[in-house]
Amino acid sequence: MAKKGEVREIIRLVCTEDGKSYYTTTKNKRNTPDRLELKKFNANLKKYTLHREKK
């Protein structure tokens, strides 16, 4: 959880296909208030899949 006055917060990107693999990253909540979606590599499926932000 972000501390008071901090702009960046830690988020978890969860795979949309299997829901098990995830990446952690940070984002600026002022510049990108909506949920983040990135294509990342899923080692279990051995391919690139869409990962969405989960709070």
PDB file of N, CA and C in Angstrom:
ATOM      1  N   MET A   1       0.843  -1.175   0.000  1.00  0.00           N
ATOM      2  CA  MET A   1       0.000   0.000   0.000  1.00  0.00           C
ATOM      3  C   MET A   1       0.883   1.230   0.000  1.00  0.00           C
ATOM      4  N   ALA A   2       0.466   2.247  -0.726  1.00  0.00           N
ATOM      5  CA  ALA A   2       1.248   3.473  -0.825  1.00  0.00           C
ATOM      6  C   ALA A   2       1.135   4.291   0.456  1.00  0.00           C
ATOM      7  N   LYS A   3       2.265   4.869   0.829  1.00  0.00           N
ATOM      8  CA  LYS A   3       2.265   5.719   2.002  1.00  0.00           C
ATOM      9  C   LYS A   3       1.672   7.071   1.651  1.00  0.00           C
ATOM     10  N   LYS A   4       1.343   7.850   2.653  1.00  0.00           N
ATOM     11  CA  LYS A   4       0.752   9.163   2.421  1.00  0.00           C
ATOM     12  C   LYS A   4       1.751  10.045   1.696  1.00  0.00           C
ATOM     13  N   GLY A   5       1.316  10.651   0.612  1.00  0.00           N
ATOM     14  CA  GLY A   5       2.157  11.539  -0.163  1.00  0.00           C
ATOM     15  C   GLY A   5       2.931  10.859  -1.275  1.00  0.00           C
ATOM     16  N   GLU A   6       2.959   9.544  -1.313  1.00  0.00           N
ATOM     17  CA  GLU A   6       3.665   8.848  -2.386  1.00  0.00           C
ATOM     18  C   GLU A   6       2.791   8.769  -3.629  1.00  0.00           C
ATOM     19  N   VAL A   7       3.428   8.948  -4.772  1.00  0.00           N
ATOM     20  CA  VAL A   7       2.697   8.937  -6.031  1.00  0.00           C
ATOM     21  C   VAL A   7       2.660   7.532  -6.627  1.00  0.00           C
ATOM     22  N   ARG A   8       3.750   6.769  -6.464  1.00  0.00           N
ATOM     23  CA  ARG A   8       3.837   5.432  -7.050  1.00  0.00           C
ATOM     24  C   ARG A   8       3.318   4.387  -6.076  1.00  0.00           C
ATOM     25  N   GLU A   9       2.615   3.396  -6.615  1.00  0.00           N
ATOM     26  CA  GLU A   9       2.125   2.311  -5.775  1.00  0.00           C
ATOM     27  C   GLU A   9       2.494   0.970  -6.418  1.00  0.00           C
ATOM     28  N   ILE A  10       2.642  -0.053  -5.598  1.00  0.00           N
ATOM     29  CA  ILE A  10       2.979  -1.390  -6.068  1.00  0.00           C
ATOM     30  C   ILE A  10       1.693  -2.080  -6.508  1.00  0.00           C
ATOM     31  N   ILE A  11       1.719  -2.657  -7.715  1.00  0.00           N
ATOM     32  CA  ILE A  11       0.547  -3.344  -8.243  1.00  0.00           C
ATOM     33  C   ILE A  11       0.935  -4.761  -8.654  1.00  0.00           C
ATOM     34  N   ARG A  12      -0.058  -5.623  -8.837  1.00  0.00           N
ATOM     35  CA  ARG A  12       0.130  -6.995  -9.285  1.00  0.00           C
ATOM     36  C   ARG A  12      -0.580  -7.154 -10.620  1.00  0.00           C
ATOM     37  N   LEU A  13       0.159  -7.668 -11.619  1.00  0.00           N
ATOM     38  CA  LEU A  13      -0.399  -7.955 -12.934  1.00  0.00           C
ATOM     39  C   LEU A  13      -0.658  -9.454 -13.017  1.00  0.00           C
ATOM     40  N   VAL A  14      -1.922  -9.848 -13.105  1.00  0.00           N
ATOM     41  CA  VAL A  14      -2.316 -11.260 -13.113  1.00  0.00           C
ATOM     42  C   VAL A  14      -2.677 -11.675 -14.534  1.00  0.00           C
ATOM     43  N   CYS A  15      -2.285 -12.882 -14.908  1.00  0.00           N
ATOM     44  CA  CYS A  15      -2.557 -13.416 -16.243  1.00  0.00           C
ATOM     45  C   CYS A  15      -4.061 -13.615 -16.430  1.00  0.00           C
ATOM     46  N   THR A  16      -4.564 -13.255 -17.606  1.00  0.00           N
ATOM     47  CA  THR A  16      -5.990 -13.400 -17.885  1.00  0.00           C
ATOM     48  C   THR A  16      -6.347 -14.810 -18.348  1.00  0.00           C
ATOM     49  N   GLU A  17      -5.363 -15.587 -18.826  1.00  0.00           N
ATOM     50  CA  GLU A  17      -5.661 -16.924 -19.356  1.00  0.00           C
ATOM     51  C   GLU A  17      -5.674 -18.002 -18.281  1.00  0.00           C
ATOM     52  N   ASP A  18      -4.657 -18.026 -17.411  1.00  0.00           N
ATOM     53  CA  ASP A  18      -4.650 -19.070 -16.383  1.00  0.00           C
ATOM     54  C   ASP A  18      -4.919 -18.516 -14.987  1.00  0.00           C
ATOM     55  N   GLY A  19      -4.696 -17.237 -14.751  1.00  0.00           N
ATOM     56  CA  GLY A  19      -4.997 -16.623 -13.459  1.00  0.00           C
ATOM     57  C   GLY A  19      -4.037 -16.993 -12.345  1.00  0.00           C
ATOM     58  N   LYS A  20      -2.989 -17.748 -12.644  1.00  0.00           N
ATOM     59  CA  LYS A  20      -2.051 -18.191 -11.620  1.00  0.00           C
ATOM     60  C   LYS A  20      -0.759 -17.384 -11.631  1.00  0.00           C
ATOM     61  N   SER A  21      -0.213 -17.127 -12.795  1.00  0.00           N
ATOM     62  CA  SER A  21       1.054 -16.406 -12.862  1.00  0.00           C
ATOM     63  C   SER A  21       0.807 -14.910 -12.764  1.00  0.00           C
ATOM     64  N   TYR A  22       1.774 -14.220 -12.164  1.00  0.00           N
ATOM     65  CA  TYR A  22       1.633 -12.776 -12.012  1.00  0.00           C
ATOM     66  C   TYR A  22       2.999 -12.109 -11.966  1.00  0.00           C
ATOM     67  N   TYR A  23       3.010 -10.840 -12.264  1.00  0.00           N
ATOM     68  CA  TYR A  23       4.181  -9.981 -12.162  1.00  0.00           C
ATOM     69  C   TYR A  23       3.840  -8.866 -11.184  1.00  0.00           C
ATOM     70  N   THR A  24       4.836  -8.349 -10.481  1.00  0.00           N
ATOM     71  CA  THR A  24       4.640  -7.169  -9.647  1.00  0.00           C
ATOM     72  C   THR A  24       5.430  -6.025 -10.241  1.00  0.00           C
ATOM     73  N   THR A  25       4.861  -4.842 -10.186  1.00  0.00           N
ATOM     74  CA  THR A  25       5.492  -3.651 -10.717  1.00  0.00           C
ATOM     75  C   THR A  25       4.924  -2.440  -9.990  1.00  0.00           C
ATOM     76  N   THR A  26       5.396  -1.267 -10.339  1.00  0.00           N
ATOM     77  CA  THR A  26       4.865  -0.045  -9.751  1.00  0.00           C
ATOM     78  C   THR A  26       4.289   0.819 -10.862  1.00  0.00           C
ATOM     79  N   LYS A  27       3.367   1.683 -10.485  1.00  0.00           N
ATOM     80  CA  LYS A  27       2.820   2.614 -11.462  1.00  0.00           C
ATOM     81  C   LYS A  27       2.540   3.938 -10.771  1.00  0.00           C
ATOM     82  N   ASN A  28       2.524   4.987 -11.563  1.00  0.00           N
ATOM     83  CA  ASN A  28       2.204   6.310 -11.073  1.00  0.00           C
ATOM     84  C   ASN A  28       0.687   6.457 -11.099  1.00  0.00           C
ATOM     85  N   LYS A  29       0.075   6.565  -9.937  1.00  0.00           N
ATOM     86  CA  LYS A  29      -1.391   6.584  -9.887  1.00  0.00           C
ATOM     87  C   LYS A  29      -2.002   7.906 -10.342  1.00  0.00           C
ATOM     88  N   ARG A  30      -1.196   8.956 -10.443  1.00  0.00           N
ATOM     89  CA  ARG A  30      -1.709  10.229 -10.974  1.00  0.00           C
ATOM     90  C   ARG A  30      -1.768  10.217 -12.497  1.00  0.00           C
ATOM     91  N   ASN A  31      -0.742   9.653 -13.130  1.00  0.00           N
ATOM     92  CA  ASN A  31      -0.689   9.630 -14.591  1.00  0.00           C
ATOM     93  C   ASN A  31      -1.558   8.534 -15.195  1.00  0.00           C
ATOM     94  N   THR A  32      -1.679   7.391 -14.510  1.00  0.00           N
ATOM     95  CA  THR A  32      -2.475   6.270 -15.018  1.00  0.00           C
ATOM     96  C   THR A  32      -3.453   5.809 -13.945  1.00  0.00           C
ATOM     97  N   PRO A  33      -4.579   6.501 -13.791  1.00  0.00           N
ATOM     98  CA  PRO A  33      -5.544   6.118 -12.759  1.00  0.00           C
ATOM     99  C   PRO A  33      -6.324   4.847 -13.101  1.00  0.00           C
ATOM    100  N   ASP A  34      -6.423   4.513 -14.403  1.00  0.00           N
ATOM    101  CA  ASP A  34      -7.160   3.301 -14.779  1.00  0.00           C
ATOM    102  C   ASP A  34      -6.260   2.083 -14.642  1.00  0.00           C
ATOM    103  N   ARG A  35      -6.857   0.902 -14.786  1.00  0.00           N
ATOM    104  CA  ARG A  35      -6.103  -0.343 -14.601  1.00  0.00           C
ATOM    105  C   ARG A  35      -5.152  -0.584 -15.768  1.00  0.00           C
ATOM    106  N   LEU A  36      -3.981  -1.083 -15.429  1.00  0.00           N
ATOM    107  CA  LEU A  36      -2.919  -1.302 -16.393  1.00  0.00           C
ATOM    108  C   LEU A  36      -3.069  -2.678 -17.040  1.00  0.00           C
ATOM    109  N   GLU A  37      -2.813  -2.760 -18.357  1.00  0.00           N
ATOM    110  CA  GLU A  37      -2.849  -4.022 -19.092  1.00  0.00           C
ATOM    111  C   GLU A  37      -1.586  -4.110 -19.938  1.00  0.00           C
ATOM    112  N   LEU A  38      -0.816  -5.188 -19.764  1.00  0.00           N
ATOM    113  CA  LEU A  38       0.416  -5.392 -20.514  1.00  0.00           C
ATOM    114  C   LEU A  38       0.490  -6.825 -21.010  1.00  0.00           C
ATOM    115  N   LYS A  39       1.176  -7.027 -22.133  1.00  0.00           N
ATOM    116  CA  LYS A  39       1.442  -8.384 -22.613  1.00  0.00           C
ATOM    117  C   LYS A  39       2.766  -8.815 -22.008  1.00  0.00           C
ATOM    118  N   LYS A  40       2.730  -9.892 -21.213  1.00  0.00           N
ATOM    119  CA  LYS A  40       3.913 -10.418 -20.541  1.00  0.00           C
ATOM    120  C   LYS A  40       4.027 -11.906 -20.844  1.00  0.00           C
ATOM    121  N   PHE A  41       5.208 -12.452 -20.607  1.00  0.00           N
ATOM    122  CA  PHE A  41       5.441 -13.864 -20.878  1.00  0.00           C
ATOM    123  C   PHE A  41       4.941 -14.723 -19.726  1.00  0.00           C
ATOM    124  N   ASN A  42       4.159 -15.745 -20.052  1.00  0.00           N
ATOM    125  CA  ASN A  42       3.670 -16.696 -19.068  1.00  0.00           C
ATOM    126  C   ASN A  42       4.496 -17.972 -19.213  1.00  0.00           C
ATOM    127  N   ALA A  43       5.310 -18.291 -18.191  1.00  0.00           N
ATOM    128  CA  ALA A  43       6.205 -19.447 -18.259  1.00  0.00           C
ATOM    129  C   ALA A  43       5.440 -20.763 -18.243  1.00  0.00           C
ATOM    130  N   ASN A  44       4.295 -20.820 -17.588  1.00  0.00           N
ATOM    131  CA  ASN A  44       3.505 -22.052 -17.552  1.00  0.00           C
ATOM    132  C   ASN A  44       2.931 -22.399 -18.924  1.00  0.00           C
ATOM    133  N   LEU A  45       2.454 -21.403 -19.634  1.00  0.00           N
ATOM    134  CA  LEU A  45       1.874 -21.624 -20.958  1.00  0.00           C
ATOM    135  C   LEU A  45       2.898 -21.493 -22.077  1.00  0.00           C
ATOM    136  N   LYS A  46       4.075 -20.965 -21.765  1.00  0.00           N
ATOM    137  CA  LYS A  46       5.168 -20.765 -22.716  1.00  0.00           C
ATOM    138  C   LYS A  46       4.771 -19.870 -23.886  1.00  0.00           C
ATOM    139  N   LYS A  47       4.053 -18.784 -23.575  1.00  0.00           N
ATOM    140  CA  LYS A  47       3.695 -17.810 -24.606  1.00  0.00           C
ATOM    141  C   LYS A  47       3.377 -16.476 -23.947  1.00  0.00           C
ATOM    142  N   TYR A  48       3.264 -15.444 -24.761  1.00  0.00           N
ATOM    143  CA  TYR A  48       2.935 -14.114 -24.261  1.00  0.00           C
ATOM    144  C   TYR A  48       1.423 -14.010 -24.117  1.00  0.00           C
ATOM    145  N   THR A  49       0.982 -13.533 -22.946  1.00  0.00           N
ATOM    146  CA  THR A  49      -0.455 -13.398 -22.685  1.00  0.00           C
ATOM    147  C   THR A  49      -0.723 -12.020 -22.090  1.00  0.00           C
ATOM    148  N   LEU A  50      -1.971 -11.646 -22.066  1.00  0.00           N
ATOM    149  CA  LEU A  50      -2.386 -10.367 -21.512  1.00  0.00           C
ATOM    150  C   LEU A  50      -2.447 -10.472 -19.977  1.00  0.00           C
ATOM    151  N   HIS A  51      -1.813  -9.529 -19.305  1.00  0.00           N
ATOM    152  CA  HIS A  51      -1.838  -9.462 -17.847  1.00  0.00           C
ATOM    153  C   HIS A  51      -2.517  -8.167 -17.446  1.00  0.00           C
ATOM    154  N   ARG A  52      -3.479  -8.255 -16.527  1.00  0.00           N
ATOM    155  CA  ARG A  52      -4.231  -7.086 -16.063  1.00  0.00           C
ATOM    156  C   ARG A  52      -3.935  -6.807 -14.615  1.00  0.00           C
ATOM    157  N   GLU A  53      -4.059  -5.541 -14.249  1.00  0.00           N
ATOM    158  CA  GLU A  53      -3.825  -5.121 -12.877  1.00  0.00           C
ATOM    159  C   GLU A  53      -4.934  -5.622 -11.956  1.00  0.00           C
ATOM    160  N   LYS A  54      -4.520  -6.127 -10.820  1.00  0.00           N
ATOM    161  CA  LYS A  54      -5.464  -6.560  -9.804  1.00  0.00           C
ATOM    162  C   LYS A  54      -5.079  -5.881  -8.499  1.00  0.00           C
ATOM    163  N   LYS A  55      -6.037  -5.320  -7.813  1.00  0.00           N
ATOM    164  CA  LYS A  55      -5.739  -4.597  -6.574  1.00  0.00           C
ATOM    165  C   LYS A  55      -5.733  -5.523  -5.396  1.00  0.00           C
TER     166      LYS A  55
END
